[in-house]
N, C-alpha and C. Protein backbone atom coordinates (compact mmCIF):
# COMPACT_ATOMS: atom_id res chain seq x y z
N MET A 1 3.01 -40.82 37.52
CA MET A 1 4.38 -40.55 36.80
C MET A 1 3.95 -40.22 35.81
N ALA A 2 3.90 -38.87 35.11
CA ALA A 2 3.72 -38.50 33.94
C ALA A 2 3.89 -39.58 32.53
N ASP A 3 4.04 -39.38 31.11
CA ASP A 3 4.50 -40.27 30.29
C ASP A 3 5.21 -39.23 29.74
N ARG A 4 6.52 -40.48 29.01
CA ARG A 4 7.22 -39.36 28.90
C ARG A 4 7.38 -39.44 27.07
N ARG A 5 7.14 -38.20 26.14
CA ARG A 5 6.80 -38.42 25.37
C ARG A 5 8.27 -37.61 24.07
N GLY A 6 8.49 -38.22 23.26
CA GLY A 6 9.46 -38.00 22.56
C GLY A 6 10.28 -39.25 22.75
N SER A 7 11.84 -39.16 21.93
CA SER A 7 12.58 -40.14 22.04
C SER A 7 13.51 -39.84 23.63
N TRP A 8 14.27 -41.33 23.78
CA TRP A 8 15.01 -41.25 24.96
C TRP A 8 16.62 -40.86 24.18
N PRO A 9 17.08 -40.38 24.59
CA PRO A 9 18.45 -40.15 24.72
C PRO A 9 19.58 -41.48 24.45
N ALA A 10 20.12 -41.44 23.95
CA ALA A 10 21.26 -42.46 23.40
C ALA A 10 21.53 -43.09 24.92
N ALA A 11 22.19 -44.18 25.17
CA ALA A 11 22.17 -44.80 26.27
C ALA A 11 24.24 -44.67 26.31
N LEU A 12 24.74 -43.93 27.14
CA LEU A 12 25.88 -43.95 27.14
C LEU A 12 26.61 -44.98 27.52
N PRO A 13 27.94 -45.55 26.73
CA PRO A 13 28.88 -46.33 27.35
C PRO A 13 28.86 -46.27 28.86
N PRO A 14 28.92 -48.17 29.33
CA PRO A 14 29.13 -48.14 30.70
C PRO A 14 30.71 -48.01 30.77
N PRO A 15 30.59 -47.67 32.17
CA PRO A 15 31.83 -47.38 32.51
C PRO A 15 33.21 -48.47 32.60
N PRO A 16 34.43 -47.90 32.46
CA PRO A 16 35.96 -49.04 32.18
C PRO A 16 35.58 -49.60 33.17
N GLY A 17 35.79 -50.88 32.87
CA GLY A 17 35.77 -52.07 33.61
C GLY A 17 34.33 -52.72 34.15
N TYR A 18 32.98 -52.52 33.55
CA TYR A 18 32.11 -52.94 33.64
C TYR A 18 31.77 -53.90 33.70
N LEU A 19 32.02 -53.43 31.78
CA LEU A 19 31.77 -55.52 30.98
C LEU A 19 33.00 -56.30 31.86
N PRO A 20 32.57 -57.46 31.03
CA PRO A 20 33.52 -58.39 31.58
C PRO A 20 34.52 -58.75 30.22
N PRO A 21 35.62 -59.36 30.62
CA PRO A 21 36.48 -59.57 29.21
C PRO A 21 35.77 -60.23 28.29
N ARG A 22 36.34 -60.10 27.05
CA ARG A 22 35.78 -60.47 26.25
C ARG A 22 35.80 -62.51 26.25
N ASN A 23 36.91 -62.84 26.30
CA ASN A 23 37.00 -64.56 26.72
C ASN A 23 36.42 -65.08 28.48
N ALA A 24 35.44 -64.29 28.76
CA ALA A 24 34.93 -64.56 29.99
C ALA A 24 33.98 -65.45 29.48
N PRO A 25 33.84 -66.68 30.53
CA PRO A 25 32.80 -67.70 30.14
C PRO A 25 31.46 -67.34 30.51
N GLN A 26 30.52 -67.65 29.65
CA GLN A 26 29.55 -67.43 29.24
C GLN A 26 28.22 -67.82 30.70
N PRO A 27 27.03 -67.22 30.50
CA PRO A 27 26.52 -67.58 32.28
C PRO A 27 25.68 -69.11 31.26
N SER A 28 24.56 -69.63 32.02
CA SER A 28 24.19 -70.66 32.09
C SER A 28 23.04 -69.47 31.07
N PRO A 29 22.27 -70.50 30.09
CA PRO A 29 20.94 -70.07 30.10
C PRO A 29 19.93 -69.51 29.99
N GLN A 30 19.96 -70.33 32.27
CA GLN A 30 18.87 -69.61 32.68
C GLN A 30 18.87 -68.18 33.25
N PHE A 31 20.25 -67.86 33.54
CA PHE A 31 21.01 -66.11 33.33
C PHE A 31 21.14 -65.28 32.48
N ALA A 32 21.01 -66.05 30.63
CA ALA A 32 21.37 -65.19 29.94
C ALA A 32 20.83 -64.05 29.83
N ALA A 33 19.30 -63.90 29.99
CA ALA A 33 18.85 -62.37 30.02
C ALA A 33 19.65 -62.05 31.22
N MET A 34 20.06 -61.80 31.87
CA MET A 34 20.57 -60.90 32.94
C MET A 34 21.62 -60.14 32.43
N PRO A 35 21.70 -58.52 32.83
CA PRO A 35 23.01 -57.84 32.33
C PRO A 35 24.10 -58.78 33.51
N PRO A 36 25.56 -58.35 32.68
CA PRO A 36 26.36 -58.59 33.49
C PRO A 36 26.56 -57.88 35.10
N ARG A 37 27.18 -58.59 35.96
CA ARG A 37 27.55 -57.83 36.92
C ARG A 37 28.98 -57.27 36.93
N PRO A 38 29.22 -56.12 37.28
CA PRO A 38 29.97 -55.12 37.35
C PRO A 38 31.46 -55.97 37.98
N THR A 39 32.85 -55.56 37.78
CA THR A 39 33.97 -56.23 38.09
C THR A 39 35.07 -54.90 38.59
N TYR A 40 34.84 -55.06 39.67
CA TYR A 40 35.87 -54.11 39.95
C TYR A 40 37.23 -54.67 41.10
N ARG A 41 38.29 -54.74 40.79
CA ARG A 41 39.31 -55.53 41.42
C ARG A 41 40.53 -54.01 41.75
N GLU A 42 40.92 -54.29 42.81
CA GLU A 42 41.81 -53.41 43.12
C GLU A 42 42.87 -53.32 42.73
N PRO A 43 43.36 -52.14 42.13
CA PRO A 43 44.81 -51.94 41.43
C PRO A 43 45.68 -52.20 42.38
N HIS A 44 46.40 -52.78 43.76
CA HIS A 44 47.28 -52.75 44.23
C HIS A 44 46.76 -53.50 45.50
N PRO A 45 46.39 -55.04 44.81
CA PRO A 45 46.06 -55.60 46.62
C PRO A 45 46.72 -55.62 47.58
N VAL A 46 46.38 -55.99 49.05
CA VAL A 46 47.22 -56.18 50.09
C VAL A 46 47.03 -58.12 50.15
N THR A 47 48.31 -58.62 50.21
CA THR A 47 48.48 -59.93 50.40
C THR A 47 49.33 -60.15 51.83
N ALA A 48 49.09 -61.51 51.67
CA ALA A 48 49.96 -61.93 53.04
C ALA A 48 50.84 -62.07 53.42
N ALA A 49 52.37 -62.09 52.26
CA ALA A 49 53.18 -61.86 52.20
C ALA A 49 53.96 -60.27 52.59
N PRO A 50 53.81 -59.47 52.18
CA PRO A 50 54.29 -58.14 52.57
C PRO A 50 53.92 -57.88 54.21
N VAL A 51 52.77 -58.37 54.35
CA VAL A 51 51.57 -57.91 55.86
C VAL A 51 53.04 -58.44 56.70
N LEU A 52 53.39 -60.12 56.79
CA LEU A 52 54.15 -60.53 57.54
C LEU A 52 55.46 -60.30 57.45
N THR A 53 56.07 -58.94 56.70
CA THR A 53 57.08 -59.08 56.41
C THR A 53 56.97 -57.48 56.92
N GLY A 54 55.95 -56.78 57.49
CA GLY A 54 55.85 -55.30 57.90
C GLY A 54 56.23 -56.11 59.74
N LEU A 55 55.46 -57.25 59.33
CA LEU A 55 55.35 -57.59 61.32
C LEU A 55 56.64 -58.09 61.80
N ALA A 56 57.52 -59.01 60.52
CA ALA A 56 58.36 -59.28 61.52
C ALA A 56 59.49 -58.27 61.37
N ALA A 57 59.73 -57.13 60.43
CA ALA A 57 60.41 -56.46 60.68
C ALA A 57 60.05 -55.44 61.82
N THR A 58 58.68 -55.61 62.31
CA THR A 58 58.85 -54.22 63.32
C THR A 58 58.99 -55.07 64.92
N THR A 59 58.51 -55.89 64.50
CA THR A 59 58.59 -56.87 65.85
C THR A 59 60.54 -56.93 66.30
N ALA A 60 61.36 -56.71 65.16
CA ALA A 60 62.66 -56.68 65.39
C ALA A 60 62.91 -55.52 65.63
N TRP A 61 62.62 -54.40 65.32
CA TRP A 61 62.73 -53.25 65.38
C TRP A 61 62.29 -53.06 66.68
N PHE A 62 61.24 -53.30 67.55
CA PHE A 62 61.29 -52.82 68.84
C PHE A 62 61.71 -53.89 69.71
N VAL A 63 62.66 -55.48 69.47
CA VAL A 63 62.88 -55.73 70.65
C VAL A 63 64.53 -55.12 70.70
N LEU A 64 64.92 -54.69 69.41
CA LEU A 64 66.24 -54.05 69.43
C LEU A 64 65.75 -52.62 70.14
N PHE A 65 65.03 -51.86 70.13
CA PHE A 65 65.05 -50.84 70.87
C PHE A 65 64.59 -51.20 72.26
N GLY A 66 63.49 -52.11 72.54
CA GLY A 66 63.36 -52.38 73.84
C GLY A 66 64.22 -52.70 74.71
N SER A 67 65.19 -53.34 74.02
CA SER A 67 66.45 -53.87 74.64
C SER A 67 67.59 -52.87 75.35
N LEU A 68 67.08 -51.65 74.71
CA LEU A 68 67.73 -50.54 75.05
C LEU A 68 67.35 -49.95 76.64
N GLY A 69 66.52 -50.50 76.63
CA GLY A 69 66.09 -49.97 78.31
C GLY A 69 66.05 -50.72 79.54
N SER A 70 67.12 -49.65 80.76
CA SER A 70 67.17 -50.80 81.34
C SER A 70 66.49 -51.33 82.43
N SER A 71 65.43 -50.05 82.36
CA SER A 71 64.30 -50.11 84.20
C SER A 71 62.64 -50.11 82.73
N LEU A 72 61.83 -50.38 83.84
CA LEU A 72 60.41 -50.57 82.99
C LEU A 72 60.31 -48.96 82.54
N ALA A 73 60.82 -47.75 82.86
CA ALA A 73 60.41 -45.91 82.52
C ALA A 73 61.20 -46.23 81.61
N SER A 74 62.53 -46.64 81.15
CA SER A 74 63.27 -46.50 80.36
C SER A 74 62.75 -46.95 78.82
N TYR A 75 62.52 -48.17 78.97
CA TYR A 75 62.08 -49.32 77.68
C TYR A 75 60.67 -48.87 77.40
N ALA A 76 59.78 -47.71 78.37
CA ALA A 76 58.61 -47.75 77.95
C ALA A 76 58.76 -46.71 77.03
N TRP A 77 59.67 -45.74 77.48
CA TRP A 77 59.91 -44.21 76.36
C TRP A 77 60.94 -44.47 75.36
N TRP A 78 62.08 -45.83 75.32
CA TRP A 78 62.51 -46.12 74.09
C TRP A 78 61.13 -46.99 73.25
N THR A 79 60.09 -47.73 73.98
CA THR A 79 58.95 -48.14 73.00
C THR A 79 58.24 -47.10 72.75
N ILE A 80 57.48 -46.30 73.51
CA ILE A 80 56.47 -44.75 72.52
C ILE A 80 58.05 -44.22 71.84
N GLY A 81 58.70 -44.06 71.91
CA GLY A 81 59.80 -43.30 70.49
C GLY A 81 59.92 -44.31 69.77
N ALA A 82 59.93 -45.56 69.93
CA ALA A 82 59.94 -46.62 68.68
C ALA A 82 58.77 -46.53 68.02
N ALA A 83 57.38 -46.54 68.54
CA ALA A 83 56.33 -46.63 67.88
C ALA A 83 55.50 -45.32 67.11
N LEU A 84 56.39 -44.26 67.48
CA LEU A 84 56.26 -43.02 66.90
C LEU A 84 56.91 -43.12 65.53
N ALA A 85 58.26 -43.75 65.12
CA ALA A 85 59.34 -43.46 63.94
C ALA A 85 58.45 -44.99 63.33
N ALA A 86 57.89 -46.29 64.05
CA ALA A 86 57.11 -46.80 63.20
C ALA A 86 55.75 -46.26 62.59
N TRP A 87 55.31 -45.66 63.14
CA TRP A 87 54.07 -45.11 62.37
C TRP A 87 54.35 -44.04 61.33
N ALA A 88 55.17 -42.95 62.03
CA ALA A 88 56.00 -42.29 60.50
C ALA A 88 55.96 -43.21 59.11
N VAL A 89 56.63 -44.20 59.62
CA VAL A 89 57.37 -45.27 58.53
C VAL A 89 55.79 -45.61 57.91
N ALA A 90 55.01 -46.24 58.75
CA ALA A 90 53.56 -47.08 57.75
C ALA A 90 52.70 -45.88 57.26
N LEU A 91 52.92 -44.43 57.68
CA LEU A 91 51.95 -43.61 57.01
C LEU A 91 52.83 -43.32 55.78
N LEU A 92 54.29 -43.67 55.59
CA LEU A 92 55.05 -42.95 54.52
C LEU A 92 54.93 -44.38 53.16
N LEU A 93 54.84 -45.23 54.28
CA LEU A 93 54.49 -46.45 53.29
C LEU A 93 53.28 -46.62 52.75
N ALA A 94 52.26 -46.60 53.47
CA ALA A 94 50.66 -46.38 52.89
C ALA A 94 50.44 -45.27 52.11
N VAL A 95 51.49 -44.34 52.08
CA VAL A 95 51.26 -43.25 51.10
C VAL A 95 51.86 -43.59 49.56
N LEU A 96 53.16 -43.82 49.75
CA LEU A 96 54.45 -43.97 48.69
C LEU A 96 54.75 -45.37 48.83
N GLY A 97 54.71 -46.22 49.56
CA GLY A 97 55.03 -47.65 49.44
C GLY A 97 53.96 -49.01 49.27
N ASP A 98 54.63 -50.03 49.89
CA ASP A 98 53.48 -51.41 49.45
C ASP A 98 52.60 -51.00 51.01
N ARG A 99 51.75 -51.00 50.67
CA ARG A 99 50.41 -50.72 51.75
C ARG A 99 50.23 -51.80 52.85
N GLY A 100 50.74 -53.01 52.04
CA GLY A 100 50.79 -54.46 53.27
C GLY A 100 51.82 -54.17 54.00
N VAL A 101 52.91 -53.75 54.08
CA VAL A 101 54.35 -53.65 54.62
C VAL A 101 53.19 -52.37 55.74
N ALA A 102 52.70 -51.65 55.52
CA ALA A 102 52.39 -50.36 56.36
C ALA A 102 51.15 -51.08 56.81
N VAL A 103 50.28 -52.01 56.80
CA VAL A 103 49.74 -52.90 57.76
C VAL A 103 50.44 -53.46 58.68
N GLY A 104 51.20 -54.25 57.97
CA GLY A 104 51.98 -54.82 59.69
C GLY A 104 53.28 -53.94 60.26
N VAL A 105 54.01 -52.86 59.53
CA VAL A 105 54.14 -51.92 60.54
C VAL A 105 53.21 -51.39 61.48
N ALA A 106 51.98 -50.98 61.07
CA ALA A 106 51.29 -50.59 61.75
C ALA A 106 50.08 -51.88 63.50
N VAL A 107 50.24 -52.58 62.71
CA VAL A 107 49.92 -53.67 63.86
C VAL A 107 50.62 -53.73 65.04
N ALA A 108 51.72 -54.26 64.19
CA ALA A 108 52.70 -54.68 65.33
C ALA A 108 53.09 -53.86 65.99
N SER A 109 53.45 -52.60 65.76
CA SER A 109 53.96 -51.41 66.50
C SER A 109 52.96 -51.09 67.58
N GLY A 110 51.23 -50.97 67.19
CA GLY A 110 50.24 -51.02 68.11
C GLY A 110 50.00 -52.15 69.06
N LEU A 111 50.57 -53.64 68.75
CA LEU A 111 50.45 -54.57 69.45
C LEU A 111 51.41 -53.94 70.65
N ALA A 112 52.54 -53.79 70.10
CA ALA A 112 54.27 -53.42 70.99
C ALA A 112 54.30 -52.59 71.91
N LEU A 113 53.20 -50.81 71.54
CA LEU A 113 53.12 -50.33 72.70
C LEU A 113 52.06 -50.67 73.07
N SER A 114 50.95 -51.27 72.93
CA SER A 114 49.73 -52.13 74.19
C SER A 114 50.92 -52.93 75.00
N ILE A 115 51.25 -53.61 75.00
CA ILE A 115 52.41 -54.39 75.69
C ILE A 115 52.90 -53.66 76.86
N ALA A 116 53.77 -52.68 76.01
CA ALA A 116 54.69 -51.64 77.11
C ALA A 116 54.12 -50.99 77.94
N LEU A 117 53.13 -50.41 77.39
CA LEU A 117 51.63 -49.24 78.21
C LEU A 117 51.31 -50.03 79.56
N LEU A 118 50.65 -52.30 79.21
CA LEU A 118 49.99 -52.85 79.81
C LEU A 118 51.14 -52.87 81.09
N PHE A 119 52.45 -53.08 80.64
CA PHE A 119 53.36 -53.04 81.84
C PHE A 119 53.22 -51.79 83.05
N VAL A 120 53.50 -50.67 82.35
CA VAL A 120 53.29 -49.14 82.75
C VAL A 120 52.05 -49.40 83.91
N THR A 121 50.73 -49.77 83.17
CA THR A 121 49.41 -49.82 83.79
C THR A 121 49.63 -50.31 85.23
N LEU A 122 50.43 -52.08 84.78
CA LEU A 122 50.46 -52.81 85.82
C LEU A 122 51.39 -52.33 87.12
N ARG A 123 52.56 -51.71 86.74
CA ARG A 123 53.13 -50.67 87.88
C ARG A 123 52.75 -49.76 88.48
N TRP A 124 51.94 -48.76 87.47
CA TRP A 124 51.44 -47.81 88.43
C TRP A 124 50.03 -48.26 89.45
N VAL A 125 49.33 -49.36 88.73
CA VAL A 125 48.04 -49.75 89.93
C VAL A 125 48.60 -50.43 91.23
N ALA A 126 49.69 -51.00 90.83
CA ALA A 126 50.47 -51.71 91.93
C ALA A 126 51.24 -51.17 93.12
N THR A 127 51.95 -49.64 92.78
CA THR A 127 52.69 -48.97 93.54
C THR A 127 51.62 -47.65 93.69
N TYR A 128 50.85 -47.20 93.15
CA TYR A 128 50.07 -45.86 93.17
C TYR A 128 50.95 -44.42 92.68
N ASP A 129 52.44 -45.21 92.14
CA ASP A 129 53.01 -44.18 91.53
C ASP A 129 53.42 -44.56 89.99
N TRP A 130 52.85 -43.58 89.03
CA TRP A 130 53.30 -43.39 87.39
C TRP A 130 54.90 -43.27 87.52
N PRO A 131 55.01 -44.27 86.74
CA PRO A 131 56.09 -44.80 86.59
C PRO A 131 56.95 -44.19 85.56
N LEU A 132 56.37 -43.40 84.36
CA LEU A 132 57.32 -42.36 83.69
C LEU A 132 57.52 -41.34 83.68
N TRP A 133 57.22 -40.52 85.06
CA TRP A 133 58.01 -39.46 85.48
C TRP A 133 59.09 -39.71 86.52
């Protein structure tokens, strides 16, 4: 490597959030020579309460829509429609609202749709007749 001649440019200040807060505890003397590690925090963290709220609300949503079906085919179609609506709401919540609730809605709708399509698949395997047509 070639030696650099002349002075080095002035160091740029660290990016925001890199330095610890002024009242942070000092490291032990054995680590005092090391630079502080950056601290990055999520501006909108996802916590358990909104996720559980989304799970509960979506479970009630699928129970109501699933109870409208009188046969396996109608139950499956009601569940597919409810899942499409729930995914649209989850997408809207992820962009504009609470991401924790969006996660709960997406998880519950995926699980409910999987259960409905499991029943459809089991009927299809047992009778060799696709029940959704």
